[in-house]
C-alpha cells in the first residue's frame, strides 16, 4: 500500500468479529442458533475467505478498494492514479 493509505484490510480481527456479528443476526433463523452460525463461519467460510485472499491477492489486483465496515458510510481506501 502507498504511504498514507489505510492498513485496514479485509480479514483483520476487527472485520472478522464484525462478519460474525452480522451473520449471526442475519442467519440465526436459517441455521437455528447464533452458536451454529458462528461455528459454521469459523470452520468454513472465514478460512475459505482467508485462503482466497492469500492465493488470489485481490487487493493487490484491484483498481478500487472500498472499506465497507459501515455499509452506510463506505470509504475509498485506494483508487486508480488519474495522472
N, C-alpha and C. Protein backbone atom coordinates (compact mmCIF):
# COMPACT_ATOMS: atom_id res chain seq x y z
N UNK A 1 0.85 -1.17 0.00
CA UNK A 1 0.00 0.00 0.00
C UNK A 1 0.89 1.23 0.00
N UNK A 2 0.36 2.31 -0.53
CA UNK A 2 1.09 3.57 -0.60
C UNK A 2 1.11 4.24 0.77
N UNK A 3 2.08 5.15 0.95
CA UNK A 3 2.12 5.92 2.19
C UNK A 3 0.80 6.65 2.37
N UNK A 4 0.29 6.65 3.60
CA UNK A 4 -0.93 7.35 3.91
C UNK A 4 -2.20 6.56 3.67
N UNK A 5 -2.09 5.40 3.04
CA UNK A 5 -3.27 4.58 2.84
C UNK A 5 -3.54 3.77 4.10
N UNK A 6 -4.77 3.46 4.29
CA UNK A 6 -5.19 2.72 5.47
C UNK A 6 -4.62 1.31 5.42
N UNK A 7 -4.27 0.80 6.57
CA UNK A 7 -3.82 -0.58 6.67
C UNK A 7 -5.00 -1.52 6.92
N UNK A 8 -6.20 -0.96 7.02
CA UNK A 8 -7.38 -1.80 7.22
C UNK A 8 -7.54 -2.70 6.01
N UNK A 9 -7.52 -3.96 6.24
CA UNK A 9 -7.67 -4.93 5.16
C UNK A 9 -8.71 -5.94 5.57
N UNK A 10 -9.53 -6.37 4.61
CA UNK A 10 -10.47 -7.43 4.93
C UNK A 10 -9.73 -8.62 5.51
N UNK A 11 -10.32 -9.24 6.48
CA UNK A 11 -9.70 -10.41 7.10
C UNK A 11 -9.03 -10.09 8.41
N UNK A 12 -8.91 -8.81 8.77
CA UNK A 12 -8.30 -8.47 10.04
C UNK A 12 -9.25 -8.87 11.17
N UNK A 13 -8.74 -8.92 12.39
CA UNK A 13 -9.53 -9.39 13.53
C UNK A 13 -10.81 -8.59 13.72
N UNK A 14 -10.74 -7.28 13.55
CA UNK A 14 -11.92 -6.45 13.72
C UNK A 14 -12.99 -6.77 12.70
N UNK A 15 -12.57 -6.98 11.45
CA UNK A 15 -13.54 -7.32 10.42
C UNK A 15 -14.13 -8.70 10.66
N UNK A 16 -13.29 -9.63 11.07
CA UNK A 16 -13.75 -10.99 11.34
C UNK A 16 -14.85 -10.98 12.40
N UNK A 17 -14.65 -10.20 13.46
CA UNK A 17 -15.65 -10.09 14.52
C UNK A 17 -16.94 -9.47 13.99
N UNK A 18 -16.81 -8.47 13.14
CA UNK A 18 -18.00 -7.82 12.57
C UNK A 18 -18.74 -8.76 11.63
N UNK A 19 -18.01 -9.53 10.83
CA UNK A 19 -18.65 -10.51 9.96
C UNK A 19 -19.43 -11.51 10.80
N UNK A 20 -18.83 -12.00 11.86
CA UNK A 20 -19.53 -12.96 12.71
C UNK A 20 -20.76 -12.34 13.36
N UNK A 21 -20.64 -11.10 13.80
CA UNK A 21 -21.78 -10.42 14.43
C UNK A 21 -22.94 -10.29 13.43
N UNK A 22 -22.64 -9.80 12.23
CA UNK A 22 -23.69 -9.62 11.22
C UNK A 22 -24.32 -10.94 10.79
N UNK A 23 -23.49 -11.94 10.56
CA UNK A 23 -24.03 -13.21 10.07
C UNK A 23 -24.84 -13.91 11.15
N UNK A 24 -24.46 -13.76 12.41
CA UNK A 24 -25.25 -14.38 13.47
C UNK A 24 -26.65 -13.78 13.50
N UNK A 25 -26.75 -12.48 13.33
CA UNK A 25 -28.06 -11.83 13.30
C UNK A 25 -28.83 -12.25 12.06
N UNK A 26 -28.16 -12.21 10.91
CA UNK A 26 -28.81 -12.49 9.63
C UNK A 26 -29.21 -13.96 9.48
N UNK A 27 -28.31 -14.88 9.90
CA UNK A 27 -28.50 -16.30 9.59
C UNK A 27 -29.03 -17.14 10.74
N UNK A 28 -29.32 -16.54 11.86
CA UNK A 28 -29.81 -17.31 13.02
C UNK A 28 -31.04 -18.13 12.66
N UNK A 29 -31.96 -17.53 11.95
CA UNK A 29 -33.20 -18.23 11.58
C UNK A 29 -32.90 -19.40 10.64
N UNK A 30 -31.95 -19.22 9.74
CA UNK A 30 -31.62 -20.26 8.76
C UNK A 30 -30.97 -21.46 9.43
N UNK A 31 -30.00 -21.21 10.34
CA UNK A 31 -29.22 -22.29 10.93
C UNK A 31 -29.71 -22.72 12.32
N UNK A 32 -30.67 -22.00 12.89
CA UNK A 32 -31.27 -22.43 14.15
C UNK A 32 -30.75 -21.75 15.39
N UNK A 33 -29.50 -21.29 15.38
CA UNK A 33 -28.98 -20.58 16.55
C UNK A 33 -27.75 -19.77 16.14
N UNK A 34 -27.46 -18.77 16.94
CA UNK A 34 -26.26 -17.95 16.66
C UNK A 34 -24.99 -18.77 16.83
N UNK A 35 -25.00 -19.69 17.77
CA UNK A 35 -23.81 -20.51 18.00
C UNK A 35 -23.50 -21.39 16.79
N UNK A 36 -24.54 -21.95 16.18
CA UNK A 36 -24.33 -22.78 14.98
C UNK A 36 -23.79 -21.91 13.84
N UNK A 37 -24.32 -20.70 13.70
CA UNK A 37 -23.82 -19.78 12.67
C UNK A 37 -22.35 -19.48 12.91
N UNK A 38 -21.99 -19.14 14.16
CA UNK A 38 -20.61 -18.82 14.50
C UNK A 38 -19.69 -20.00 14.19
N UNK A 39 -20.09 -21.19 14.60
CA UNK A 39 -19.27 -22.38 14.36
C UNK A 39 -19.09 -22.63 12.86
N UNK A 40 -20.16 -22.48 12.11
CA UNK A 40 -20.10 -22.73 10.66
C UNK A 40 -19.17 -21.73 9.97
N UNK A 41 -19.31 -20.46 10.33
CA UNK A 41 -18.46 -19.43 9.71
C UNK A 41 -17.01 -19.59 10.15
N UNK A 42 -16.78 -19.90 11.42
CA UNK A 42 -15.41 -20.05 11.92
C UNK A 42 -14.72 -21.26 11.29
N UNK A 43 -15.48 -22.32 11.02
CA UNK A 43 -14.89 -23.55 10.49
C UNK A 43 -14.77 -23.56 8.97
N UNK A 44 -15.66 -22.85 8.29
CA UNK A 44 -15.68 -22.99 6.84
C UNK A 44 -15.52 -21.67 6.08
N UNK A 45 -16.42 -20.74 6.30
CA UNK A 45 -16.47 -19.55 5.45
C UNK A 45 -15.30 -18.60 5.67
N UNK A 46 -14.97 -18.29 6.90
CA UNK A 46 -13.86 -17.37 7.15
C UNK A 46 -12.52 -17.96 6.71
N UNK A 47 -12.22 -19.23 7.01
CA UNK A 47 -10.97 -19.80 6.47
C UNK A 47 -10.95 -19.83 4.94
N UNK A 48 -12.10 -20.05 4.32
CA UNK A 48 -12.17 -20.03 2.86
C UNK A 48 -11.85 -18.65 2.30
N UNK A 49 -12.35 -17.61 2.97
CA UNK A 49 -12.04 -16.24 2.55
C UNK A 49 -10.55 -15.95 2.71
N UNK A 50 -9.98 -16.39 3.81
CA UNK A 50 -8.55 -16.16 4.05
C UNK A 50 -7.70 -16.87 3.01
N UNK A 51 -8.06 -18.09 2.66
CA UNK A 51 -7.34 -18.85 1.64
C UNK A 51 -7.42 -18.13 0.29
N UNK A 52 -8.62 -17.69 -0.08
CA UNK A 52 -8.79 -16.96 -1.34
C UNK A 52 -7.93 -15.70 -1.35
N UNK A 53 -7.97 -14.93 -0.29
CA UNK A 53 -7.20 -13.68 -0.24
C UNK A 53 -5.70 -13.95 -0.32
N UNK A 54 -5.25 -15.02 0.31
CA UNK A 54 -3.82 -15.34 0.29
C UNK A 54 -3.37 -15.80 -1.10
N UNK A 55 -4.20 -16.58 -1.77
CA UNK A 55 -3.81 -17.13 -3.07
C UNK A 55 -4.07 -16.17 -4.23
N UNK A 56 -5.24 -15.54 -4.24
CA UNK A 56 -5.61 -14.68 -5.37
C UNK A 56 -5.14 -13.24 -5.20
N UNK A 57 -4.86 -12.82 -3.98
CA UNK A 57 -4.39 -11.47 -3.66
C UNK A 57 -5.24 -10.40 -4.36
N UNK A 58 -6.56 -10.42 -4.14
CA UNK A 58 -7.44 -9.49 -4.85
C UNK A 58 -7.16 -8.02 -4.53
N UNK A 59 -6.70 -7.71 -3.33
CA UNK A 59 -6.42 -6.31 -3.00
C UNK A 59 -5.24 -5.76 -3.79
N UNK A 60 -4.30 -6.63 -4.13
CA UNK A 60 -3.15 -6.19 -4.92
C UNK A 60 -3.52 -5.98 -6.39
N UNK A 61 -4.61 -6.58 -6.82
CA UNK A 61 -5.00 -6.52 -8.23
C UNK A 61 -6.13 -5.54 -8.50
N UNK A 62 -6.79 -5.09 -7.46
CA UNK A 62 -7.97 -4.24 -7.62
C UNK A 62 -7.60 -2.82 -8.03
N UNK A 63 -8.43 -2.23 -8.86
CA UNK A 63 -8.27 -0.82 -9.22
C UNK A 63 -8.83 0.08 -8.12
N UNK A 64 -9.92 -0.35 -7.50
CA UNK A 64 -10.56 0.42 -6.43
C UNK A 64 -10.80 -0.52 -5.27
N UNK A 65 -10.47 -0.06 -4.05
CA UNK A 65 -10.70 -0.84 -2.84
C UNK A 65 -11.58 -0.01 -1.92
N UNK A 66 -12.69 -0.60 -1.48
CA UNK A 66 -13.60 0.07 -0.58
C UNK A 66 -13.59 -0.61 0.77
N UNK A 67 -13.70 0.17 1.82
CA UNK A 67 -13.89 -0.34 3.17
C UNK A 67 -15.39 -0.23 3.45
N UNK A 68 -16.05 -1.37 3.59
CA UNK A 68 -17.49 -1.39 3.83
C UNK A 68 -17.81 -1.84 5.25
N UNK A 69 -16.89 -1.57 6.18
CA UNK A 69 -17.13 -1.92 7.57
C UNK A 69 -18.47 -1.32 8.02
N UNK A 70 -18.71 -0.08 7.65
CA UNK A 70 -20.01 0.56 7.88
C UNK A 70 -20.65 0.72 6.51
N UNK A 71 -21.58 -0.16 6.13
CA UNK A 71 -22.15 -0.11 4.79
C UNK A 71 -22.84 1.21 4.45
N UNK A 72 -23.25 1.95 5.45
CA UNK A 72 -23.89 3.24 5.19
C UNK A 72 -22.88 4.35 4.96
N UNK A 73 -21.60 4.09 5.25
CA UNK A 73 -20.54 5.08 5.07
C UNK A 73 -19.31 4.42 4.46
N UNK A 74 -19.40 3.99 3.22
CA UNK A 74 -18.23 3.35 2.59
C UNK A 74 -17.07 4.34 2.46
N UNK A 75 -15.86 3.81 2.55
CA UNK A 75 -14.65 4.61 2.45
C UNK A 75 -13.78 4.06 1.33
N UNK A 76 -13.29 4.94 0.47
CA UNK A 76 -12.37 4.51 -0.58
C UNK A 76 -10.98 4.42 0.04
N UNK A 77 -10.39 3.22 -0.01
CA UNK A 77 -9.04 3.02 0.52
C UNK A 77 -8.00 3.25 -0.56
N UNK A 78 -8.35 2.94 -1.81
CA UNK A 78 -7.43 3.12 -2.91
C UNK A 78 -8.23 3.28 -4.19
N UNK A 79 -7.76 4.15 -5.06
CA UNK A 79 -8.38 4.34 -6.37
C UNK A 79 -7.29 4.49 -7.41
N UNK A 80 -7.63 4.33 -8.67
CA UNK A 80 -6.60 4.44 -9.71
C UNK A 80 -5.96 5.83 -9.74
N UNK A 81 -4.69 5.85 -10.09
CA UNK A 81 -3.98 7.13 -10.29
C UNK A 81 -4.54 7.77 -11.55
N UNK A 82 -4.99 8.99 -11.45
CA UNK A 82 -5.63 9.65 -12.58
C UNK A 82 -4.71 10.60 -13.33
N UNK A 83 -3.41 10.53 -13.09
CA UNK A 83 -2.49 11.46 -13.75
C UNK A 83 -2.13 11.05 -15.15
